[in-house]
Amino acid sequence: MKAHFPELIRSLPDYEGRFEAHQLDAGSCKVLFASYPAGTAIEEHTHDTENVGVITEGELILITAEGESRYGPGDWYHLEAGQPHAAQFEVETSEVEFWFRPKR
């Protein structure tokens, strides 16, 4: 995990998934502190959660049915639950992601 995040964040449990992250379980929301090396590509997939995220360093290229959008530091993005999307990272990138579980 990049030193971009403070030590307290880096000491959170590791996320067990297809990218490097630490996670915080906040009840109805999982918070991920994620880092991606330059050249990372994540193929199209969906989540059963509604997701929002903010880029803290670098750039996210998010590909959805609406097209390609680029997000830099301070930019927020939003994905509905079940919305197909893919991601690319041309430069080293970090973000904070919020995965909101459906209300029951």
Protein backbone atom coordinates (compact mmCIF):
# COMPACT_ATOMS: atom_id res chain seq x y z
CA MET A 1 0.00 0.00 0.00
CA LYS A 2 1.34 3.38 -0.97
CA ALA A 3 2.62 5.72 1.68
CA HIS A 4 0.15 8.29 0.25
CA PHE A 5 -2.30 7.21 2.97
CA PRO A 6 -1.50 7.93 6.65
CA GLU A 7 -0.14 5.08 8.80
CA LEU A 8 -3.47 4.71 10.65
CA ILE A 9 -5.20 4.01 7.32
CA ARG A 10 -2.44 1.61 6.23
CA SER A 11 -2.91 -0.31 9.50
CA LEU A 12 -6.55 -1.16 8.66
CA PRO A 13 -7.30 -4.73 7.51
CA ASP A 14 -6.35 -5.62 3.94
CA TYR A 15 -9.10 -5.84 1.34
CA GLU A 16 -9.24 -9.30 -0.22
CA GLY A 17 -10.00 -8.45 -3.84
CA ARG A 18 -8.55 -7.72 -7.26
CA PHE A 19 -6.74 -4.52 -6.22
CA GLU A 20 -4.63 -3.33 -3.29
CA ALA A 21 -6.63 -1.62 -0.56
CA HIS A 22 -7.29 -1.37 3.15
CA GLN A 23 -10.87 -1.52 4.37
CA LEU A 24 -13.01 -0.12 7.13
CA ASP A 25 -16.43 -1.68 7.76
CA ALA A 26 -18.84 1.08 8.74
CA GLY A 27 -22.05 -0.94 9.14
CA SER A 28 -24.10 -0.26 6.02
CA CYS A 29 -21.01 0.92 4.11
CA LYS A 30 -17.57 -0.51 3.42
CA VAL A 31 -14.87 2.14 2.99
CA LEU A 32 -11.86 1.17 0.85
CA PHE A 33 -8.57 3.07 0.68
CA ALA A 34 -7.24 1.81 -2.65
CA SER A 35 -4.07 2.25 -4.69
CA TYR A 36 -3.46 1.23 -8.30
CA PRO A 37 -0.09 1.09 -10.09
CA ALA A 38 0.21 2.85 -13.45
CA GLY A 39 -1.06 0.59 -16.22
CA THR A 40 -3.71 -1.17 -14.12
CA ALA A 41 -6.86 -2.15 -16.03
CA ILE A 42 -9.94 -3.63 -14.36
CA GLU A 43 -12.29 -5.39 -16.77
CA GLU A 44 -16.01 -4.73 -16.88
CA HIS A 45 -17.88 -5.88 -13.79
CA THR A 46 -20.73 -4.89 -11.46
CA HIS A 47 -21.23 -4.52 -7.70
CA ASP A 48 -24.29 -5.29 -5.62
CA THR A 49 -23.53 -2.05 -3.75
CA GLU A 50 -24.06 1.60 -4.70
CA ASN A 51 -20.58 3.10 -4.92
CA VAL A 52 -19.17 6.59 -4.67
CA GLY A 53 -15.49 7.46 -4.61
CA VAL A 54 -13.08 10.35 -4.55
CA ILE A 55 -9.68 10.37 -6.22
CA THR A 56 -6.94 11.46 -3.84
CA GLU A 57 -3.97 11.13 -6.23
CA GLY A 58 -3.55 10.33 -9.93
CA GLU A 59 -6.44 9.72 -12.36
CA LEU A 60 -9.28 7.21 -12.77
CA ILE A 61 -10.59 6.47 -16.25
CA LEU A 62 -14.08 5.06 -15.69
CA ILE A 63 -15.84 3.35 -18.59
CA THR A 64 -19.63 2.88 -18.47
CA ALA A 65 -22.42 2.52 -21.05
CA GLU A 66 -22.46 6.35 -21.16
CA GLY A 67 -18.81 6.42 -22.30
CA GLU A 68 -15.44 7.22 -20.78
CA SER A 69 -14.99 9.76 -17.96
CA ARG A 70 -11.77 10.93 -16.31
CA TYR A 71 -11.53 11.81 -12.62
CA GLY A 72 -8.57 13.52 -10.95
CA PRO A 73 -7.72 14.53 -7.37
CA GLY A 74 -10.77 15.85 -5.56
CA ASP A 75 -13.22 14.51 -8.17
CA TRP A 76 -16.10 12.30 -7.02
CA TYR A 77 -17.79 9.57 -9.08
CA HIS A 78 -21.00 7.59 -8.52
CA LEU A 79 -22.08 4.12 -9.69
CA GLU A 80 -25.51 2.62 -9.14
CA ALA A 81 -25.76 -0.94 -7.79
CA GLY A 82 -25.55 -3.36 -10.73
CA GLN A 83 -24.17 -0.72 -13.15
CA PRO A 84 -21.58 -2.32 -15.47
CA HIS A 85 -18.26 -0.49 -15.51
CA ALA A 86 -14.54 -0.91 -16.16
CA ALA A 87 -11.57 1.14 -14.95
CA GLN A 88 -8.12 2.08 -16.18
CA PHE A 89 -5.25 3.83 -14.45
CA GLU A 90 -2.58 5.31 -16.76
CA VAL A 91 -0.74 6.82 -13.78
CA GLU A 92 -0.29 5.65 -10.18
CA THR A 93 -3.61 6.44 -8.50
CA SER A 94 -5.17 6.37 -5.04
CA GLU A 95 -8.79 6.79 -4.04
CA VAL A 96 -11.27 6.39 -1.22
CA GLU A 97 -14.30 4.29 -2.21
CA PHE A 98 -17.58 3.96 -0.33
CA TRP A 99 -19.60 0.79 -1.05
CA PHE A 100 -23.12 1.27 0.32
CA ARG A 101 -25.00 -1.96 0.99
CA PRO A 102 -28.67 -2.06 -0.06
CA LYS A 103 -31.13 -1.20 2.69
CA ARG A 104 -33.07 -4.23 3.84
